[in-house]
Amino acid sequence: MKDYRDKELKYLLFILIFLFLIWCTPILEVKPLTGKNSMLEALSNAIESVIISGILSLGVFLCDCSISSKSKDKLVGLFIIPRPGETIFSRIKNGVFVDDRFLVEDAKNKYSDIISNLPTEKKAKRNFENAKWYKIYLFHQEKEKVKQSQKDSLICRDLFVETVLFFLLYCLSLIIFPQLVTFSWKFIATLVAIASVSNRAAHVKMDRFVNTVIAVDIAEDNKL
């Protein structure tokens, strides 16, 4: 899982930094350079813009490293929608499980003990379901299908988190560097669009990852 961040997240950060520079700083501003002071001012603005973009980039990296995986999952769910692993067996029990790789009835039969022991209190129920699902995941974590679906979910999740962090730090830079950083509706709209798409993708891929673990687990029984 260590290499899932090598490309996609770096590319997104590069794109956001580039758009920040051209839309939110005076780095491309064309002014008449009639004197030495004007040239120095233009050079100074360019250097300061690059430094600020570097600070934002470093800030996103440090903030991302300081946020736990569980907190990232909750952020994807906007602290309202539970993680897929926290509702997997409830969904199987209620027959609202949509995945064509296995039958719901097979899942109900295989996990009947878990389903029959589901707690009634919401928080305890979610913790119970996620813990049981995680035990199943540990048995199959080295399977290629599981590893690939997990990688896809992590990429989409972290793309969303990175975009949100950049948005927050951009807003902070407007306060700290009002003389240099400008407000841009185009940049805000771009961040919102990227966040919306990556959030939706993260939910799809996280569901797929959780379902893949169950699908592989059931398929193992069918082989015996």
Foldseek 3Di string as FASTA:
>chain_A
DVCLCVPLVVVLLVVLLVCQLVFWFCLVPDDDCPDPVSVVVNVVSNVVSVVLSVVLSVQLVVVLVPDDPCNLQCVLVVVPDDFCQLCVLVCLVVVVDDDPLDDSVLVCVVCVVLNVPQDPDSVSNSVSSNVVLVVLCVVCVPPPQLVVLVSQLVSLSVQLSSLVSSVVVLVVCCVVPVVTTHDDPVSVVVSVVSNVVSSVSNNVSSNVNSVVSSSVSSVVVVVD
